[in-house]
């Protein structure tokens, strides 16, 4: 069941961080106007309604024209998408190709490959959606995608702490978000096999009434990725295309681990090429 949108008050706030990754710097004053935001990421059930009503085909379901991205490996042009694969043991963490694979036949209905299914996870966030797919859904729903400042303000929940609930990820051992628990990318203590995501309304809501702004799946925003201190290389996934614009994704995902990527924070951000899609990337909508 779709939950009603949440009204978020607008005001000035301190955006970014001077104490974490370079691309979050400098911390600065930003202002957002009041807006409404979905309490949860868009689910498979909601995206299915959109696809059925419109006949929309996602980026992953459509082969890419070699002329628009001639620098990609030939297999990347087929219809398909990127899938996380847990490794058998420790690997070089400087090369994310060790745990990502392009799998033909992967799409939002088959997020881990053509043999996978979302039948038992209609309440999970839809994944394997590009920025173009998220924008198409938002337009159909009469909504928009959040600006980075709007997303971060909502995720901060009216406080300036590392996490909406405080400065510790798991205070007193309590789990507040779906992040990687164990040695990345081969040992996970929470979930042993796909799906790695949890329902979009799992865990306790924030004070604003929002679910899973931290962890579970990365979420698209409308803003192009710009950072004076960072070249714009994604911390998490290869690009599906070469030479296209990167956009900001926020919130981290079930793949964020203390040993590799501590981007499960409101101020954290990562660039993602607009045509890319993965099984840990989704979105939620806003109305202004």
C-alpha atoms as a PDB file:
ATOM      1  CA  UNK A   1       0.000   0.000   0.000  1.00  0.00           C
ATOM      2  CA  UNK A   2       1.350   3.404  -1.005  1.00  0.00           C
ATOM      3  CA  UNK A   3       1.928   5.716   1.942  1.00  0.00           C
ATOM      4  CA  UNK A   4       1.019   9.428   1.731  1.00  0.00           C
ATOM      5  CA  UNK A   5       3.813  11.898   1.076  1.00  0.00           C
ATOM      6  CA  UNK A   6       5.494  13.580   4.027  1.00  0.00           C
ATOM      7  CA  UNK A   7       5.594  17.365   4.371  1.00  0.00           C
ATOM      8  CA  UNK A   8       9.126  18.595   5.098  1.00  0.00           C
ATOM      9  CA  UNK A   9       9.672  22.139   6.421  1.00  0.00           C
ATOM     10  CA  UNK A  10      12.148  24.296   4.581  1.00  0.00           C
ATOM     11  CA  UNK A  11      14.876  26.373   6.202  1.00  0.00           C
ATOM     12  CA  UNK A  12      18.620  27.025   6.045  1.00  0.00           C
ATOM     13  CA  UNK A  13      20.877  24.149   7.134  1.00  0.00           C
ATOM     14  CA  UNK A  14      24.511  23.096   7.097  1.00  0.00           C
ATOM     15  CA  UNK A  15      25.004  20.862   4.035  1.00  0.00           C
ATOM     16  CA  UNK A  16      27.972  18.580   3.449  1.00  0.00           C
ATOM     17  CA  UNK A  17      30.791  17.664   5.808  1.00  0.00           C
ATOM     18  CA  UNK A  18      34.375  18.733   6.439  1.00  0.00           C
ATOM     19  CA  UNK A  19      35.278  15.532   8.288  1.00  0.00           C
ATOM     20  CA  UNK A  20      34.478  12.713   5.849  1.00  0.00           C
ATOM     21  CA  UNK A  21      35.190  12.159   2.142  1.00  0.00           C
ATOM     22  CA  UNK A  22      36.637  15.006   0.016  1.00  0.00           C
ATOM     23  CA  UNK A  23      33.606  15.225  -2.266  1.00  0.00           C
ATOM     24  CA  UNK A  24      31.447  16.218   0.730  1.00  0.00           C
ATOM     25  CA  UNK A  25      33.534  19.368   1.310  1.00  0.00           C
ATOM     26  CA  UNK A  26      33.221  22.147   2.065  1.00  0.00           C
ATOM     27  CA  UNK A  27      30.405  22.150   4.561  1.00  0.00           C
ATOM     28  CA  UNK A  28      28.261  25.127   3.629  1.00  0.00           C
ATOM     29  CA  UNK A  29      24.992  26.869   4.315  1.00  0.00           C
ATOM     30  CA  UNK A  30      22.138  25.832   2.023  1.00  0.00           C
ATOM     31  CA  UNK A  31      18.443  26.643   2.055  1.00  0.00           C
ATOM     32  CA  UNK A  32      15.483  24.555   0.942  1.00  0.00           C
ATOM     33  CA  UNK A  33      11.871  25.587   0.607  1.00  0.00           C
ATOM     34  CA  UNK A  34       9.096  23.395   2.069  1.00  0.00           C
ATOM     35  CA  UNK A  35       8.346  20.306  -0.027  1.00  0.00           C
ATOM     36  CA  UNK A  36       6.693  16.906   0.135  1.00  0.00           C
ATOM     37  CA  UNK A  37       8.673  13.685  -0.181  1.00  0.00           C
ATOM     38  CA  UNK A  38       7.788  10.018  -0.496  1.00  0.00           C
ATOM     39  CA  UNK A  39       8.290   8.282   2.860  1.00  0.00           C
ATOM     40  CA  UNK A  40       9.738   5.261   1.051  1.00  0.00           C
ATOM     41  CA  UNK A  41      11.705   4.547  -2.077  1.00  0.00           C
ATOM     42  CA  UNK A  42       9.485   3.648  -5.027  1.00  0.00           C
ATOM     43  CA  UNK A  43       8.721  -0.056  -4.808  1.00  0.00           C
ATOM     44  CA  UNK A  44       8.588  -2.816  -7.384  1.00  0.00           C
ATOM     45  CA  UNK A  45       4.792  -2.839  -7.048  1.00  0.00           C
ATOM     46  CA  UNK A  46       4.556   0.887  -7.771  1.00  0.00           C
ATOM     47  CA  UNK A  47       6.949   0.719 -10.706  1.00  0.00           C
ATOM     48  CA  UNK A  48       5.016  -2.246 -12.096  1.00  0.00           C
ATOM     49  CA  UNK A  49       1.838  -0.125 -12.147  1.00  0.00           C
ATOM     50  CA  UNK A  50       3.705   2.519 -14.120  1.00  0.00           C
ATOM     51  CA  UNK A  51       5.180   0.025 -16.592  1.00  0.00           C
ATOM     52  CA  UNK A  52       1.816  -1.664 -17.130  1.00  0.00           C
ATOM     53  CA  UNK A  53      -0.004   1.646 -17.636  1.00  0.00           C
ATOM     54  CA  UNK A  54       2.526   3.100 -20.071  1.00  0.00           C
ATOM     55  CA  UNK A  55       4.347   0.172 -21.681  1.00  0.00           C
ATOM     56  CA  UNK A  56       7.581   1.866 -20.655  1.00  0.00           C
ATOM     57  CA  UNK A  57      10.840   0.017 -21.272  1.00  0.00           C
ATOM     58  CA  UNK A  58      13.772   0.869 -19.029  1.00  0.00           C
ATOM     59  CA  UNK A  59      17.314   1.654 -20.065  1.00  0.00           C
ATOM     60  CA  UNK A  60      18.419  -1.839 -19.025  1.00  0.00           C
ATOM     61  CA  UNK A  61      15.793  -3.379 -21.309  1.00  0.00           C
ATOM     62  CA  UNK A  62      17.105  -1.462 -24.326  1.00  0.00           C
ATOM     63  CA  UNK A  63      20.400  -2.124 -26.147  1.00  0.00           C
ATOM     64  CA  UNK A  64      22.726   0.889 -26.209  1.00  0.00           C
ATOM     65  CA  UNK A  65      23.711   2.394 -29.554  1.00  0.00           C
ATOM     66  CA  UNK A  66      27.483   1.845 -29.965  1.00  0.00           C
ATOM     67  CA  UNK A  67      27.771   5.265 -31.613  1.00  0.00           C
ATOM     68  CA  UNK A  68      26.919   7.091 -28.376  1.00  0.00           C
ATOM     69  CA  UNK A  69      29.519   5.331 -26.253  1.00  0.00           C
ATOM     70  CA  UNK A  70      32.238   3.830 -28.402  1.00  0.00           C
ATOM     71  CA  UNK A  71      34.651   3.345 -25.488  1.00  0.00           C
ATOM     72  CA  UNK A  72      32.644   0.661 -23.688  1.00  0.00           C
ATOM     73  CA  UNK A  73      33.357  -3.070 -23.775  1.00  0.00           C
ATOM     74  CA  UNK A  74      31.303  -4.632 -26.606  1.00  0.00           C
ATOM     75  CA  UNK A  75      29.185  -6.750 -24.231  1.00  0.00           C
ATOM     76  CA  UNK A  76      27.917  -3.599 -22.480  1.00  0.00           C
ATOM     77  CA  UNK A  77      25.852  -2.615 -25.528  1.00  0.00           C
ATOM     78  CA  UNK A  78      23.384  -5.478 -25.061  1.00  0.00           C
ATOM     79  CA  UNK A  79      20.187  -5.115 -23.072  1.00  0.00           C
ATOM     80  CA  UNK A  80      21.160  -5.853 -19.490  1.00  0.00           C
ATOM     81  CA  UNK A  81      22.659  -4.288 -16.417  1.00  0.00           C
ATOM     82  CA  UNK A  82      25.242  -4.458 -13.648  1.00  0.00           C
ATOM     83  CA  UNK A  83      24.867  -7.022 -10.879  1.00  0.00           C
ATOM     84  CA  UNK A  84      26.759  -7.326  -7.613  1.00  0.00           C
ATOM     85  CA  UNK A  85      28.369 -10.716  -7.095  1.00  0.00           C
ATOM     86  CA  UNK A  86      29.651 -11.680  -3.668  1.00  0.00           C
ATOM     87  CA  UNK A  87      33.229 -12.945  -3.917  1.00  0.00           C
ATOM     88  CA  UNK A  88      34.605 -16.183  -2.501  1.00  0.00           C
ATOM     89  CA  UNK A  89      37.159 -14.384  -0.356  1.00  0.00           C
ATOM     90  CA  UNK A  90      39.107 -11.139   0.078  1.00  0.00           C
ATOM     91  CA  UNK A  91      39.880  -9.204  -3.115  1.00  0.00           C
ATOM     92  CA  UNK A  92      41.594  -5.976  -4.119  1.00  0.00           C
ATOM     93  CA  UNK A  93      39.162  -3.257  -2.950  1.00  0.00           C
ATOM     94  CA  UNK A  94      40.645  -0.698  -5.345  1.00  0.00           C
ATOM     95  CA  UNK A  95      38.997  -2.415  -8.331  1.00  0.00           C
ATOM     96  CA  UNK A  96      35.217  -2.773  -8.133  1.00  0.00           C
ATOM     97  CA  UNK A  97      35.237  -4.979 -11.221  1.00  0.00           C
ATOM     98  CA  UNK A  98      36.095  -7.747  -8.759  1.00  0.00           C
ATOM     99  CA  UNK A  99      32.485  -7.778  -7.553  1.00  0.00           C
ATOM    100  CA  UNK A 100      30.454  -6.247 -10.388  1.00  0.00           C
ATOM    101  CA  UNK A 101      29.464  -8.019 -13.587  1.00  0.00           C
ATOM    102  CA  UNK A 102      27.441  -6.888 -16.577  1.00  0.00           C
ATOM    103  CA  UNK A 103      24.730  -9.526 -17.041  1.00  0.00           C
ATOM    104  CA  UNK A 104      22.618  -9.531 -20.224  1.00  0.00           C
ATOM    105  CA  UNK A 105      18.916  -9.969 -19.536  1.00  0.00           C
ATOM    106  CA  UNK A 106      19.077  -8.128 -16.205  1.00  0.00           C
ATOM    107  CA  UNK A 107      16.398  -5.491 -15.608  1.00  0.00           C
ATOM    108  CA  UNK A 108      14.078  -4.255 -12.862  1.00  0.00           C
ATOM    109  CA  UNK A 109      11.945  -7.421 -13.086  1.00  0.00           C
ATOM    110  CA  UNK A 110      15.090  -9.599 -12.991  1.00  0.00           C
ATOM    111  CA  UNK A 111      17.497  -7.600 -10.797  1.00  0.00           C
ATOM    112  CA  UNK A 112      20.208 -10.249 -10.387  1.00  0.00           C
ATOM    113  CA  UNK A 113      19.978 -11.666 -13.908  1.00  0.00           C
ATOM    114  CA  UNK A 114      17.404 -13.309 -16.187  1.00  0.00           C
ATOM    115  CA  UNK A 115      16.822 -16.197 -13.765  1.00  0.00           C
ATOM    116  CA  UNK A 116      15.980 -13.910 -10.825  1.00  0.00           C
ATOM    117  CA  UNK A 117      12.564 -12.503  -9.971  1.00  0.00           C
ATOM    118  CA  UNK A 118      10.833  -9.850  -7.863  1.00  0.00           C
ATOM    119  CA  UNK A 119       7.743 -11.992  -7.220  1.00  0.00           C
ATOM    120  CA  UNK A 120       8.476 -12.241  -3.505  1.00  0.00           C
ATOM    121  CA  UNK A 121       9.733  -8.672  -3.098  1.00  0.00           C
ATOM    122  CA  UNK A 122       7.104  -6.377  -4.534  1.00  0.00           C
ATOM    123  CA  UNK A 123       7.468  -4.234  -1.391  1.00  0.00           C
ATOM    124  CA  UNK A 124      11.225  -3.799  -1.921  1.00  0.00           C
ATOM    125  CA  UNK A 125      12.627  -0.718  -3.674  1.00  0.00           C
ATOM    126  CA  UNK A 126      12.693  -1.014  -7.440  1.00  0.00           C
ATOM    127  CA  UNK A 127      16.301  -1.253  -8.648  1.00  0.00           C
ATOM    128  CA  UNK A 128      18.044  -1.552 -12.010  1.00  0.00           C
ATOM    129  CA  UNK A 129      16.593   1.841 -12.939  1.00  0.00           C
ATOM    130  CA  UNK A 130      18.590   4.609 -14.606  1.00  0.00           C
ATOM    131  CA  UNK A 131      18.086   8.308 -13.996  1.00  0.00           C
ATOM    132  CA  UNK A 132      15.986   8.403 -17.179  1.00  0.00           C
ATOM    133  CA  UNK A 133      13.730   5.657 -15.813  1.00  0.00           C
ATOM    134  CA  UNK A 134      13.314   7.462 -12.492  1.00  0.00           C
ATOM    135  CA  UNK A 135      12.425  10.705 -14.263  1.00  0.00           C
ATOM    136  CA  UNK A 136       9.871   8.919 -16.454  1.00  0.00           C
ATOM    137  CA  UNK A 137       8.167   7.376 -13.433  1.00  0.00           C
ATOM    138  CA  UNK A 138       8.161  10.676 -11.548  1.00  0.00           C
ATOM    139  CA  UNK A 139       6.554  12.504 -14.485  1.00  0.00           C
ATOM    140  CA  UNK A 140       3.875   9.814 -14.774  1.00  0.00           C
ATOM    141  CA  UNK A 141       3.156  10.098 -11.061  1.00  0.00           C
ATOM    142  CA  UNK A 142       2.927  13.905 -11.215  1.00  0.00           C
ATOM    143  CA  UNK A 143       6.029  14.290  -9.105  1.00  0.00           C
ATOM    144  CA  UNK A 144       9.739  15.027  -9.484  1.00  0.00           C
ATOM    145  CA  UNK A 145      13.050  13.767  -8.194  1.00  0.00           C
ATOM    146  CA  UNK A 146      14.639  15.579  -5.242  1.00  0.00           C
ATOM    147  CA  UNK A 147      17.462  18.052  -5.553  1.00  0.00           C
ATOM    148  CA  UNK A 148      20.530  16.989  -3.619  1.00  0.00           C
ATOM    149  CA  UNK A 149      19.919  19.682  -0.976  1.00  0.00           C
ATOM    150  CA  UNK A 150      16.297  18.589  -0.539  1.00  0.00           C
ATOM    151  CA  UNK A 151      17.318  14.950  -0.191  1.00  0.00           C
ATOM    152  CA  UNK A 152      20.046  15.728   2.343  1.00  0.00           C
ATOM    153  CA  UNK A 153      17.829  18.049   4.377  1.00  0.00           C
ATOM    154  CA  UNK A 154      15.126  15.375   4.597  1.00  0.00           C
ATOM    155  CA  UNK A 155      17.671  12.685   5.486  1.00  0.00           C
ATOM    156  CA  UNK A 156      19.187  14.814   8.249  1.00  0.00           C
ATOM    157  CA  UNK A 157      15.831  14.704   9.994  1.00  0.00           C
ATOM    158  CA  UNK A 158      16.268  18.178  11.454  1.00  0.00           C
ATOM    159  CA  UNK A 159      19.540  17.371  13.260  1.00  0.00           C
ATOM    160  CA  UNK A 160      23.238  17.650  12.492  1.00  0.00           C
ATOM    161  CA  UNK A 161      24.649  14.317  13.540  1.00  0.00           C
ATOM    162  CA  UNK A 162      26.457  11.656  11.527  1.00  0.00           C
ATOM    163  CA  UNK A 163      23.200   9.703  11.232  1.00  0.00           C
ATOM    164  CA  UNK A 164      19.610  10.850  11.773  1.00  0.00           C
ATOM    165  CA  UNK A 165      19.562   8.830  15.018  1.00  0.00           C
ATOM    166  CA  UNK A 166      22.970   9.977  16.370  1.00  0.00           C
ATOM    167  CA  UNK A 167      26.694   9.656  15.805  1.00  0.00           C
ATOM    168  CA  UNK A 168      26.987   5.843  15.982  1.00  0.00           C
ATOM    169  CA  UNK A 169      25.853   3.515  13.207  1.00  0.00           C
ATOM    170  CA  UNK A 170      24.650   0.805  15.580  1.00  0.00           C
ATOM    171  CA  UNK A 171      24.302   2.302  19.074  1.00  0.00           C
ATOM    172  CA  UNK A 172      24.096  -0.446  21.712  1.00  0.00           C
ATOM    173  CA  UNK A 173      24.154  -2.952  18.851  1.00  0.00           C
ATOM    174  CA  UNK A 174      20.806  -1.821  17.445  1.00  0.00           C
ATOM    175  CA  UNK A 175      20.451  -1.932  13.653  1.00  0.00           C
ATOM    176  CA  UNK A 176      18.833   1.184  12.181  1.00  0.00           C
ATOM    177  CA  UNK A 177      19.653   0.696   8.505  1.00  0.00           C
ATOM    178  CA  UNK A 178      20.405  -1.981   5.929  1.00  0.00           C
ATOM    179  CA  UNK A 179      24.162  -1.744   5.399  1.00  0.00           C
ATOM    180  CA  UNK A 180      26.872  -4.355   4.872  1.00  0.00           C
ATOM    181  CA  UNK A 181      27.724  -6.238   8.052  1.00  0.00           C
ATOM    182  CA  UNK A 182      30.941  -8.211   7.694  1.00  0.00           C
ATOM    183  CA  UNK A 183      34.073  -8.254   5.523  1.00  0.00           C
ATOM    184  CA  UNK A 184      33.263  -6.698   2.145  1.00  0.00           C
ATOM    185  CA  UNK A 185      32.666  -8.063  -0.478  1.00  0.00           C
ATOM    186  CA  UNK A 186      32.781 -11.694   0.519  1.00  0.00           C
ATOM    187  CA  UNK A 187      31.405 -12.115   4.031  1.00  0.00           C
ATOM    188  CA  UNK A 188      28.019 -10.749   5.006  1.00  0.00           C
ATOM    189  CA  UNK A 189      26.472 -11.442   8.374  1.00  0.00           C
ATOM    190  CA  UNK A 190      22.983 -10.070   7.690  1.00  0.00           C
ATOM    191  CA  UNK A 191      21.993 -11.742   4.410  1.00  0.00           C
ATOM    192  CA  UNK A 192      23.773 -14.611   2.683  1.00  0.00           C
ATOM    193  CA  UNK A 193      22.102 -14.528  -0.719  1.00  0.00           C
ATOM    194  CA  UNK A 194      20.008 -12.230  -2.933  1.00  0.00           C
ATOM    195  CA  UNK A 195      17.933 -10.267  -2.421  1.00  0.00           C
ATOM    196  CA  UNK A 196      20.189  -8.032  -0.423  1.00  0.00           C
ATOM    197  CA  UNK A 197      17.568  -5.302  -0.140  1.00  0.00           C
ATOM    198  CA  UNK A 198      14.834  -5.182   2.489  1.00  0.00           C
ATOM    199  CA  UNK A 199      11.264  -3.875   2.190  1.00  0.00           C
ATOM    200  CA  UNK A 200      11.084  -0.139   1.530  1.00  0.00           C
ATOM    201  CA  UNK A 201       9.433   0.454   4.913  1.00  0.00           C
ATOM    202  CA  UNK A 202      11.777  -1.739   6.965  1.00  0.00           C
ATOM    203  CA  UNK A 203      13.243  -0.405  10.221  1.00  0.00           C
ATOM    204  CA  UNK A 204      11.895   2.502  12.228  1.00  0.00           C
ATOM    205  CA  UNK A 205      10.913   5.715  10.427  1.00  0.00           C
ATOM    206  CA  UNK A 206      12.778   8.930  11.123  1.00  0.00           C
ATOM    207  CA  UNK A 207      11.287  11.841  13.015  1.00  0.00           C
ATOM    208  CA  UNK A 208      10.066  13.179   9.685  1.00  0.00           C
ATOM    209  CA  UNK A 209       8.417   9.793   9.029  1.00  0.00           C
ATOM    210  CA  UNK A 210      10.859   8.669   6.333  1.00  0.00           C
ATOM    211  CA  UNK A 211      12.121   5.123   5.843  1.00  0.00           C
ATOM    212  CA  UNK A 212      15.581   3.982   4.760  1.00  0.00           C
ATOM    213  CA  UNK A 213      17.103   7.285   3.766  1.00  0.00           C
ATOM    214  CA  UNK A 214      20.287   5.622   5.020  1.00  0.00           C
ATOM    215  CA  UNK A 215      21.284   2.293   3.457  1.00  0.00           C
ATOM    216  CA  UNK A 216      19.186  -0.237   1.538  1.00  0.00           C
ATOM    217  CA  UNK A 217      19.541   1.359  -1.943  1.00  0.00           C
ATOM    218  CA  UNK A 218      21.237   4.445  -3.325  1.00  0.00           C
ATOM    219  CA  UNK A 219      18.773   7.076  -4.570  1.00  0.00           C
ATOM    220  CA  UNK A 220      18.947   9.313  -7.633  1.00  0.00           C
ATOM    221  CA  UNK A 221      18.776  13.115  -7.381  1.00  0.00           C
ATOM    222  CA  UNK A 222      18.334  15.797 -10.055  1.00  0.00           C
ATOM    223  CA  UNK A 223      21.725  17.409  -9.558  1.00  0.00           C
ATOM    224  CA  UNK A 224      24.774  16.905 -11.727  1.00  0.00           C
ATOM    225  CA  UNK A 225      27.782  15.765  -9.734  1.00  0.00           C
ATOM    226  CA  UNK A 226      30.255  18.581  -9.198  1.00  0.00           C
ATOM    227  CA  UNK A 227      33.039  18.660  -6.625  1.00  0.00           C
ATOM    228  CA  UNK A 228      36.237  20.661  -6.693  1.00  0.00           C
ATOM    229  CA  UNK A 229      38.168  18.003  -4.773  1.00  0.00           C
ATOM    230  CA  UNK A 230      36.967  14.885  -6.564  1.00  0.00           C
ATOM    231  CA  UNK A 231      37.267  13.648 -10.181  1.00  0.00           C
ATOM    232  CA  UNK A 232      33.745  12.259 -10.215  1.00  0.00           C
ATOM    233  CA  UNK A 233      34.605   8.564 -10.093  1.00  0.00           C
ATOM    234  CA  UNK A 234      31.917   6.407  -8.532  1.00  0.00           C
ATOM    235  CA  UNK A 235      32.937   4.638  -5.343  1.00  0.00           C
ATOM    236  CA  UNK A 236      30.641   1.748  -6.044  1.00  0.00           C
ATOM    237  CA  UNK A 237      29.916   0.783  -9.652  1.00  0.00           C
ATOM    238  CA  UNK A 238      31.331   1.013 -13.174  1.00  0.00           C
ATOM    239  CA  UNK A 239      29.480   3.246 -15.635  1.00  0.00           C
ATOM    240  CA  UNK A 240      27.197   1.708 -18.242  1.00  0.00           C
ATOM    241  CA  UNK A 241      28.219   4.387 -20.753  1.00  0.00           C
ATOM    242  CA  UNK A 242      31.307   6.488 -21.377  1.00  0.00           C
ATOM    243  CA  UNK A 243      31.339  10.265 -21.647  1.00  0.00           C
ATOM    244  CA  UNK A 244      27.858  10.848 -20.248  1.00  0.00           C
ATOM    245  CA  UNK A 245      26.978  13.191 -17.394  1.00  0.00           C
ATOM    246  CA  UNK A 246      27.272  12.005 -13.790  1.00  0.00           C
ATOM    247  CA  UNK A 247      24.478  12.786 -11.335  1.00  0.00           C
ATOM    248  CA  UNK A 248      24.486  12.736  -7.547  1.00  0.00           C
ATOM    249  CA  UNK A 249      23.167   9.654  -5.792  1.00  0.00           C
ATOM    250  CA  UNK A 250      22.630   9.716  -2.043  1.00  0.00           C
ATOM    251  CA  UNK A 251      22.128   7.519   0.992  1.00  0.00           C
ATOM    252  CA  UNK A 252      24.396   4.561   0.464  1.00  0.00           C
ATOM    253  CA  UNK A 253      23.133   1.009   0.120  1.00  0.00           C
ATOM    254  CA  UNK A 254      23.281  -2.533   1.446  1.00  0.00           C
ATOM    255  CA  UNK A 255      26.783  -2.696  -0.067  1.00  0.00           C
ATOM    256  CA  UNK A 256      28.225   0.131   2.033  1.00  0.00           C
ATOM    257  CA  UNK A 257      30.664  -1.276   4.584  1.00  0.00           C
ATOM    258  CA  UNK A 258      32.953   0.338   7.171  1.00  0.00           C
ATOM    259  CA  UNK A 259      35.874  -1.498   5.562  1.00  0.00           C
ATOM    260  CA  UNK A 260      35.159  -0.055   2.110  1.00  0.00           C
ATOM    261  CA  UNK A 261      32.542   2.683   1.688  1.00  0.00           C
ATOM    262  CA  UNK A 262      31.159   4.695   4.613  1.00  0.00           C
ATOM    263  CA  UNK A 263      28.712   6.576   2.435  1.00  0.00           C
ATOM    264  CA  UNK A 264      25.641   5.568   4.429  1.00  0.00           C
ATOM    265  CA  UNK A 265      25.337   9.113   5.817  1.00  0.00           C
ATOM    266  CA  UNK A 266      23.165  12.108   4.917  1.00  0.00           C
ATOM    267  CA  UNK A 267      26.126  14.211   3.757  1.00  0.00           C
ATOM    268  CA  UNK A 268      27.693  11.421   1.681  1.00  0.00           C
ATOM    269  CA  UNK A 269      27.360  11.509  -2.087  1.00  0.00           C
ATOM    270  CA  UNK A 270      28.593   9.619  -5.112  1.00  0.00           C
ATOM    271  CA  UNK A 271      28.524  10.248  -8.887  1.00  0.00           C
ATOM    272  CA  UNK A 272      26.551   7.928 -11.128  1.00  0.00           C
ATOM    273  CA  UNK A 273      26.347   8.054 -14.909  1.00  0.00           C
ATOM    274  CA  UNK A 274      22.766   8.834 -15.985  1.00  0.00           C
ATOM    275  CA  UNK A 275      22.252   5.671 -18.051  1.00  0.00           C
ATOM    276  CA  UNK A 276      23.682   3.334 -15.438  1.00  0.00           C
ATOM    277  CA  UNK A 277      21.547   0.922 -13.451  1.00  0.00           C
ATOM    278  CA  UNK A 278      22.474  -1.553 -10.742  1.00  0.00           C
ATOM    279  CA  UNK A 279      20.797  -3.829  -8.209  1.00  0.00           C
ATOM    280  CA  UNK A 280      21.518  -1.362  -5.380  1.00  0.00           C
ATOM    281  CA  UNK A 281      20.221   1.862  -6.950  1.00  0.00           C
ATOM    282  CA  UNK A 282      16.641   3.183  -6.764  1.00  0.00           C
ATOM    283  CA  UNK A 283      14.834   6.461  -6.101  1.00  0.00           C
ATOM    284  CA  UNK A 284      12.037   8.292  -4.316  1.00  0.00           C
ATOM    285  CA  UNK A 285       9.985  11.276  -5.455  1.00  0.00           C
ATOM    286  CA  UNK A 286       9.106  14.754  -4.235  1.00  0.00           C
ATOM    287  CA  UNK A 287       6.466  17.402  -4.880  1.00  0.00           C
ATOM    288  CA  UNK A 288       7.324  21.083  -4.535  1.00  0.00           C
END
